[in-house]
């Protein structure tokens, strides 16, 4: 009995020390991680709206309501994380940067930011999180695939394996990822239409 109690106390002590150590490490790394994430998002903003002078978070934006809206439009696997206005040096609104997460990519979540001009054309997107297969799904971050979205008019697009005109050509060997990004873009377009009053 004494041995059992002793072993239990030792185990409790080890667990306590481990827990405190993890908490300490978490507090040390928390701010640098948050800083890195913020920097990645700011970089994404500048990529999708290189002509913007500043960005302003959309007042009153509610991620849950935005996500519910696109879900009702048929995009059940998509989350709208954020919306920011892209502004010129005079404060004129150039368009919106919409943060999107599609949970149906091959490696899980793919998180990206898409820039849409007020004339309803897309500047492009910038991925900040993706865990797909190197050489396959990760090609969603390469110009060949990304350039397919530049200049697209707000609408609903499909993926094609054969390069069918008017559709997004799938990344070879990564159709799931291609569909996830395209679906996320479609959902972003849908919410953009809601923001500008064309789809309420």
C-alpha atoms as a PDB file:
ATOM      1  CA  UNK A   1       0.000   0.000   0.000  1.00  0.00           C
ATOM      2  CA  UNK A   2       2.827   2.417   0.907  1.00  0.00           C
ATOM      3  CA  UNK A   3       4.497   1.703  -2.438  1.00  0.00           C
ATOM      4  CA  UNK A   4       1.236   2.411  -4.303  1.00  0.00           C
ATOM      5  CA  UNK A   5       0.770   5.699  -2.457  1.00  0.00           C
ATOM      6  CA  UNK A   6       4.406   6.669  -3.066  1.00  0.00           C
ATOM      7  CA  UNK A   7       4.152   5.853  -6.801  1.00  0.00           C
ATOM      8  CA  UNK A   8       0.893   7.816  -7.021  1.00  0.00           C
ATOM      9  CA  UNK A   9       2.505  10.858  -5.370  1.00  0.00           C
ATOM     10  CA  UNK A  10       5.516  10.660  -7.690  1.00  0.00           C
ATOM     11  CA  UNK A  11       3.221  10.387 -10.721  1.00  0.00           C
ATOM     12  CA  UNK A  12       1.152  13.347  -9.488  1.00  0.00           C
ATOM     13  CA  UNK A  13       4.302  15.410  -8.972  1.00  0.00           C
ATOM     14  CA  UNK A  14       5.610  14.561 -12.453  1.00  0.00           C
ATOM     15  CA  UNK A  15       2.223  15.468 -13.990  1.00  0.00           C
ATOM     16  CA  UNK A  16       2.161  18.759 -12.060  1.00  0.00           C
ATOM     17  CA  UNK A  17       5.679  19.697 -13.137  1.00  0.00           C
ATOM     18  CA  UNK A  18       4.944  18.757 -16.747  1.00  0.00           C
ATOM     19  CA  UNK A  19       1.737  20.809 -16.707  1.00  0.00           C
ATOM     20  CA  UNK A  20       3.452  23.855 -15.254  1.00  0.00           C
ATOM     21  CA  UNK A  21       6.288  23.524 -17.771  1.00  0.00           C
ATOM     22  CA  UNK A  22       3.856  23.340 -20.698  1.00  0.00           C
ATOM     23  CA  UNK A  23       1.957  26.349 -19.367  1.00  0.00           C
ATOM     24  CA  UNK A  24       5.187  28.300 -19.022  1.00  0.00           C
ATOM     25  CA  UNK A  25       6.295  27.404 -22.562  1.00  0.00           C
ATOM     26  CA  UNK A  26       2.848  28.329 -23.874  1.00  0.00           C
ATOM     27  CA  UNK A  27       3.023  31.779 -22.312  1.00  0.00           C
ATOM     28  CA  UNK A  28       6.521  32.345 -23.719  1.00  0.00           C
ATOM     29  CA  UNK A  29       5.556  31.306 -27.255  1.00  0.00           C
ATOM     30  CA  UNK A  30       2.032  32.793 -27.295  1.00  0.00           C
ATOM     31  CA  UNK A  31       2.980  36.351 -28.231  1.00  0.00           C
ATOM     32  CA  UNK A  32       5.579  35.425 -30.900  1.00  0.00           C
ATOM     33  CA  UNK A  33       3.046  33.039 -32.499  1.00  0.00           C
ATOM     34  CA  UNK A  34       0.338  35.723 -32.485  1.00  0.00           C
ATOM     35  CA  UNK A  35       2.813  38.211 -33.945  1.00  0.00           C
ATOM     36  CA  UNK A  36       3.793  35.776 -36.721  1.00  0.00           C
ATOM     37  CA  UNK A  37       0.135  35.036 -37.531  1.00  0.00           C
ATOM     38  CA  UNK A  38      -0.646  38.767 -37.688  1.00  0.00           C
ATOM     39  CA  UNK A  39       2.333  39.358 -39.986  1.00  0.00           C
ATOM     40  CA  UNK A  40       1.195  36.517 -42.280  1.00  0.00           C
ATOM     41  CA  UNK A  41      -2.296  38.005 -42.520  1.00  0.00           C
ATOM     42  CA  UNK A  42      -0.959  41.505 -43.208  1.00  0.00           C
ATOM     43  CA  UNK A  43       1.257  40.069 -45.946  1.00  0.00           C
ATOM     44  CA  UNK A  44      -1.742  38.249 -47.443  1.00  0.00           C
ATOM     45  CA  UNK A  45      -3.683  41.528 -47.484  1.00  0.00           C
ATOM     46  CA  UNK A  46      -0.908  43.285 -49.360  1.00  0.00           C
ATOM     47  CA  UNK A  47      -0.645  40.413 -51.864  1.00  0.00           C
ATOM     48  CA  UNK A  48      -4.336  40.465 -52.792  1.00  0.00           C
ATOM     49  CA  UNK A  49      -4.594  44.269 -52.750  1.00  0.00           C
ATOM     50  CA  UNK A  50      -1.165  45.620 -53.667  1.00  0.00           C
ATOM     51  CA  UNK A  51      -2.657  48.984 -54.682  1.00  0.00           C
ATOM     52  CA  UNK A  52      -4.296  49.590 -51.295  1.00  0.00           C
ATOM     53  CA  UNK A  53      -2.801  52.139 -48.936  1.00  0.00           C
ATOM     54  CA  UNK A  54      -4.468  50.731 -45.817  1.00  0.00           C
ATOM     55  CA  UNK A  55      -6.951  48.161 -44.562  1.00  0.00           C
ATOM     56  CA  UNK A  56      -9.812  48.539 -42.128  1.00  0.00           C
ATOM     57  CA  UNK A  57     -11.692  45.715 -40.411  1.00  0.00           C
ATOM     58  CA  UNK A  58     -15.356  45.761 -41.361  1.00  0.00           C
ATOM     59  CA  UNK A  59     -17.356  47.175 -38.446  1.00  0.00           C
ATOM     60  CA  UNK A  60     -19.955  44.850 -37.033  1.00  0.00           C
ATOM     61  CA  UNK A  61     -18.629  41.812 -38.875  1.00  0.00           C
ATOM     62  CA  UNK A  62     -19.807  38.565 -37.288  1.00  0.00           C
ATOM     63  CA  UNK A  63     -18.016  35.403 -38.421  1.00  0.00           C
ATOM     64  CA  UNK A  64     -20.807  33.117 -37.196  1.00  0.00           C
ATOM     65  CA  UNK A  65     -23.476  35.029 -39.102  1.00  0.00           C
ATOM     66  CA  UNK A  66     -21.306  35.248 -42.221  1.00  0.00           C
ATOM     67  CA  UNK A  67     -20.595  31.510 -42.074  1.00  0.00           C
ATOM     68  CA  UNK A  68     -24.279  30.769 -41.555  1.00  0.00           C
ATOM     69  CA  UNK A  69     -25.079  32.898 -44.603  1.00  0.00           C
ATOM     70  CA  UNK A  70     -22.736  31.014 -46.942  1.00  0.00           C
ATOM     71  CA  UNK A  71     -23.865  27.695 -45.432  1.00  0.00           C
ATOM     72  CA  UNK A  72     -27.420  28.555 -46.453  1.00  0.00           C
ATOM     73  CA  UNK A  73     -26.068  29.235 -49.943  1.00  0.00           C
ATOM     74  CA  UNK A  74     -24.741  25.685 -50.134  1.00  0.00           C
ATOM     75  CA  UNK A  75     -21.200  26.084 -48.758  1.00  0.00           C
ATOM     76  CA  UNK A  76     -21.468  23.953 -45.614  1.00  0.00           C
ATOM     77  CA  UNK A  77     -17.735  23.277 -45.281  1.00  0.00           C
ATOM     78  CA  UNK A  78     -16.682  26.922 -45.492  1.00  0.00           C
ATOM     79  CA  UNK A  79     -16.064  29.450 -42.724  1.00  0.00           C
ATOM     80  CA  UNK A  80     -15.854  33.195 -43.360  1.00  0.00           C
ATOM     81  CA  UNK A  81     -13.238  34.274 -40.823  1.00  0.00           C
ATOM     82  CA  UNK A  82     -12.868  37.971 -41.486  1.00  0.00           C
ATOM     83  CA  UNK A  83     -13.629  40.909 -43.757  1.00  0.00           C
ATOM     84  CA  UNK A  84     -11.565  44.051 -44.216  1.00  0.00           C
ATOM     85  CA  UNK A  85     -12.004  47.073 -46.461  1.00  0.00           C
ATOM     86  CA  UNK A  86      -9.112  47.922 -48.787  1.00  0.00           C
ATOM     87  CA  UNK A  87      -8.649  51.687 -48.931  1.00  0.00           C
ATOM     88  CA  UNK A  88      -6.604  54.055 -51.073  1.00  0.00           C
ATOM     89  CA  UNK A  89      -4.577  56.974 -49.677  1.00  0.00           C
ATOM     90  CA  UNK A  90      -7.713  59.163 -49.620  1.00  0.00           C
ATOM     91  CA  UNK A  91      -9.735  56.571 -47.726  1.00  0.00           C
ATOM     92  CA  UNK A  92     -11.732  55.551 -50.782  1.00  0.00           C
ATOM     93  CA  UNK A  93     -12.990  51.984 -50.692  1.00  0.00           C
ATOM     94  CA  UNK A  94     -11.284  49.850 -53.341  1.00  0.00           C
ATOM     95  CA  UNK A  95     -12.871  46.562 -52.371  1.00  0.00           C
ATOM     96  CA  UNK A  96     -12.817  43.860 -49.720  1.00  0.00           C
ATOM     97  CA  UNK A  97     -10.388  41.283 -48.403  1.00  0.00           C
ATOM     98  CA  UNK A  98     -12.334  38.227 -47.262  1.00  0.00           C
ATOM     99  CA  UNK A  99     -10.752  35.587 -45.027  1.00  0.00           C
ATOM    100  CA  UNK A 100     -11.944  32.094 -45.921  1.00  0.00           C
ATOM    101  CA  UNK A 101     -11.395  28.629 -44.465  1.00  0.00           C
ATOM    102  CA  UNK A 102     -12.490  25.498 -46.335  1.00  0.00           C
ATOM    103  CA  UNK A 103     -12.296  22.388 -44.191  1.00  0.00           C
ATOM    104  CA  UNK A 104     -12.636  19.979 -47.096  1.00  0.00           C
ATOM    105  CA  UNK A 105      -9.138  20.197 -48.529  1.00  0.00           C
ATOM    106  CA  UNK A 106      -7.128  16.971 -48.783  1.00  0.00           C
ATOM    107  CA  UNK A 107      -4.993  17.779 -45.740  1.00  0.00           C
ATOM    108  CA  UNK A 108      -7.784  19.387 -43.729  1.00  0.00           C
ATOM    109  CA  UNK A 109      -8.269  23.146 -43.505  1.00  0.00           C
ATOM    110  CA  UNK A 110      -7.037  25.512 -46.172  1.00  0.00           C
ATOM    111  CA  UNK A 111      -7.119  29.146 -45.047  1.00  0.00           C
ATOM    112  CA  UNK A 112      -6.735  31.982 -47.520  1.00  0.00           C
ATOM    113  CA  UNK A 113      -7.545  35.632 -48.117  1.00  0.00           C
ATOM    114  CA  UNK A 114      -9.142  36.787 -51.355  1.00  0.00           C
ATOM    115  CA  UNK A 115      -9.196  40.333 -52.668  1.00  0.00           C
ATOM    116  CA  UNK A 116     -12.294  41.488 -54.549  1.00  0.00           C
ATOM    117  CA  UNK A 117     -12.553  44.891 -56.218  1.00  0.00           C
ATOM    118  CA  UNK A 118     -15.712  46.979 -56.157  1.00  0.00           C
ATOM    119  CA  UNK A 119     -16.203  46.137 -59.844  1.00  0.00           C
ATOM    120  CA  UNK A 120     -16.642  42.524 -58.643  1.00  0.00           C
ATOM    121  CA  UNK A 121     -13.378  41.211 -60.096  1.00  0.00           C
ATOM    122  CA  UNK A 122     -10.937  39.172 -58.058  1.00  0.00           C
ATOM    123  CA  UNK A 123      -7.316  40.204 -57.655  1.00  0.00           C
ATOM    124  CA  UNK A 124      -6.352  36.756 -56.426  1.00  0.00           C
ATOM    125  CA  UNK A 125      -5.875  34.908 -53.158  1.00  0.00           C
ATOM    126  CA  UNK A 126      -3.083  34.262 -50.669  1.00  0.00           C
ATOM    127  CA  UNK A 127      -2.936  31.073 -48.591  1.00  0.00           C
ATOM    128  CA  UNK A 128      -1.811  31.354 -44.971  1.00  0.00           C
ATOM    129  CA  UNK A 129      -2.559  27.785 -43.824  1.00  0.00           C
ATOM    130  CA  UNK A 130      -2.509  24.504 -45.750  1.00  0.00           C
ATOM    131  CA  UNK A 131      -1.367  20.979 -44.857  1.00  0.00           C
ATOM    132  CA  UNK A 132      -1.653  19.211 -48.181  1.00  0.00           C
ATOM    133  CA  UNK A 133       0.815  16.903 -49.893  1.00  0.00           C
ATOM    134  CA  UNK A 134       4.046  18.586 -51.094  1.00  0.00           C
ATOM    135  CA  UNK A 135       4.254  18.496 -54.875  1.00  0.00           C
ATOM    136  CA  UNK A 136       0.492  17.960 -55.187  1.00  0.00           C
ATOM    137  CA  UNK A 137      -2.011  19.933 -53.084  1.00  0.00           C
ATOM    138  CA  UNK A 138       0.665  22.418 -52.081  1.00  0.00           C
ATOM    139  CA  UNK A 139       0.657  23.565 -55.705  1.00  0.00           C
ATOM    140  CA  UNK A 140      -2.415  25.585 -54.741  1.00  0.00           C
ATOM    141  CA  UNK A 141       0.175  28.125 -53.555  1.00  0.00           C
ATOM    142  CA  UNK A 142       1.936  28.220 -56.924  1.00  0.00           C
ATOM    143  CA  UNK A 143       1.298  30.859 -59.637  1.00  0.00           C
ATOM    144  CA  UNK A 144       0.032  28.410 -62.281  1.00  0.00           C
ATOM    145  CA  UNK A 145      -3.057  27.563 -60.230  1.00  0.00           C
ATOM    146  CA  UNK A 146      -3.405  30.905 -58.440  1.00  0.00           C
ATOM    147  CA  UNK A 147      -3.404  32.863 -61.695  1.00  0.00           C
ATOM    148  CA  UNK A 148      -6.582  31.095 -62.786  1.00  0.00           C
ATOM    149  CA  UNK A 149      -8.478  33.185 -60.263  1.00  0.00           C
ATOM    150  CA  UNK A 150      -7.061  36.583 -61.181  1.00  0.00           C
ATOM    151  CA  UNK A 151      -9.624  38.749 -62.909  1.00  0.00           C
ATOM    152  CA  UNK A 152     -12.520  36.357 -62.294  1.00  0.00           C
ATOM    153  CA  UNK A 153     -15.907  38.030 -62.077  1.00  0.00           C
ATOM    154  CA  UNK A 154     -17.938  37.363 -58.964  1.00  0.00           C
ATOM    155  CA  UNK A 155     -19.854  34.148 -59.574  1.00  0.00           C
ATOM    156  CA  UNK A 156     -19.853  30.391 -59.070  1.00  0.00           C
ATOM    157  CA  UNK A 157     -17.089  28.312 -60.628  1.00  0.00           C
ATOM    158  CA  UNK A 158     -16.472  24.597 -61.115  1.00  0.00           C
ATOM    159  CA  UNK A 159     -13.292  22.542 -61.388  1.00  0.00           C
ATOM    160  CA  UNK A 160     -12.374  20.650 -64.545  1.00  0.00           C
ATOM    161  CA  UNK A 161      -9.746  17.936 -65.020  1.00  0.00           C
ATOM    162  CA  UNK A 162      -9.657  18.519 -68.769  1.00  0.00           C
ATOM    163  CA  UNK A 163      -9.121  22.271 -68.967  1.00  0.00           C
ATOM    164  CA  UNK A 164     -12.722  22.914 -69.962  1.00  0.00           C
ATOM    165  CA  UNK A 165     -13.289  26.558 -70.909  1.00  0.00           C
ATOM    166  CA  UNK A 166     -14.913  28.675 -68.208  1.00  0.00           C
ATOM    167  CA  UNK A 167     -13.876  26.289 -65.450  1.00  0.00           C
ATOM    168  CA  UNK A 168     -10.919  26.141 -63.059  1.00  0.00           C
ATOM    169  CA  UNK A 169      -8.356  23.605 -64.240  1.00  0.00           C
ATOM    170  CA  UNK A 170      -7.618  21.181 -61.415  1.00  0.00           C
ATOM    171  CA  UNK A 171      -4.103  20.667 -60.116  1.00  0.00           C
ATOM    172  CA  UNK A 172      -2.910  17.324 -61.465  1.00  0.00           C
ATOM    173  CA  UNK A 173      -3.255  14.710 -58.716  1.00  0.00           C
ATOM    174  CA  UNK A 174      -4.901  17.184 -56.342  1.00  0.00           C
ATOM    175  CA  UNK A 175      -8.506  17.549 -57.433  1.00  0.00           C
ATOM    176  CA  UNK A 176      -9.769  17.636 -53.826  1.00  0.00           C
ATOM    177  CA  UNK A 177      -7.559  20.589 -52.974  1.00  0.00           C
ATOM    178  CA  UNK A 178      -8.499  22.333 -56.217  1.00  0.00           C
ATOM    179  CA  UNK A 179     -12.180  21.918 -55.388  1.00  0.00           C
ATOM    180  CA  UNK A 180     -11.662  23.146 -51.810  1.00  0.00           C
ATOM    181  CA  UNK A 181      -9.998  26.371 -52.943  1.00  0.00           C
ATOM    182  CA  UNK A 182     -12.587  26.921 -55.678  1.00  0.00           C
ATOM    183  CA  UNK A 183     -15.480  26.275 -53.299  1.00  0.00           C
ATOM    184  CA  UNK A 184     -13.946  28.696 -50.811  1.00  0.00           C
ATOM    185  CA  UNK A 185     -13.641  31.320 -53.537  1.00  0.00           C
ATOM    186  CA  UNK A 186     -17.268  30.763 -54.550  1.00  0.00           C
ATOM    187  CA  UNK A 187     -18.363  31.215 -50.935  1.00  0.00           C
ATOM    188  CA  UNK A 188     -16.263  34.377 -50.678  1.00  0.00           C
ATOM    189  CA  UNK A 189     -17.886  35.742 -53.819  1.00  0.00           C
ATOM    190  CA  UNK A 190     -21.308  34.900 -52.393  1.00  0.00           C
ATOM    191  CA  UNK A 191     -20.595  36.832 -49.207  1.00  0.00           C
ATOM    192  CA  UNK A 192     -19.124  39.723 -51.179  1.00  0.00           C
ATOM    193  CA  UNK A 193     -22.406  39.986 -53.095  1.00  0.00           C
ATOM    194  CA  UNK A 194     -24.190  40.141 -49.768  1.00  0.00           C
ATOM    195  CA  UNK A 195     -21.891  42.932 -48.588  1.00  0.00           C
ATOM    196  CA  UNK A 196     -22.430  45.087 -51.651  1.00  0.00           C
ATOM    197  CA  UNK A 197     -26.182  44.493 -51.638  1.00  0.00           C
ATOM    198  CA  UNK A 198     -26.530  42.294 -54.667  1.00  0.00           C
ATOM    199  CA  UNK A 199     -27.594  39.085 -52.972  1.00  0.00           C
ATOM    200  CA  UNK A 200     -29.471  39.883 -49.757  1.00  0.00           C
END
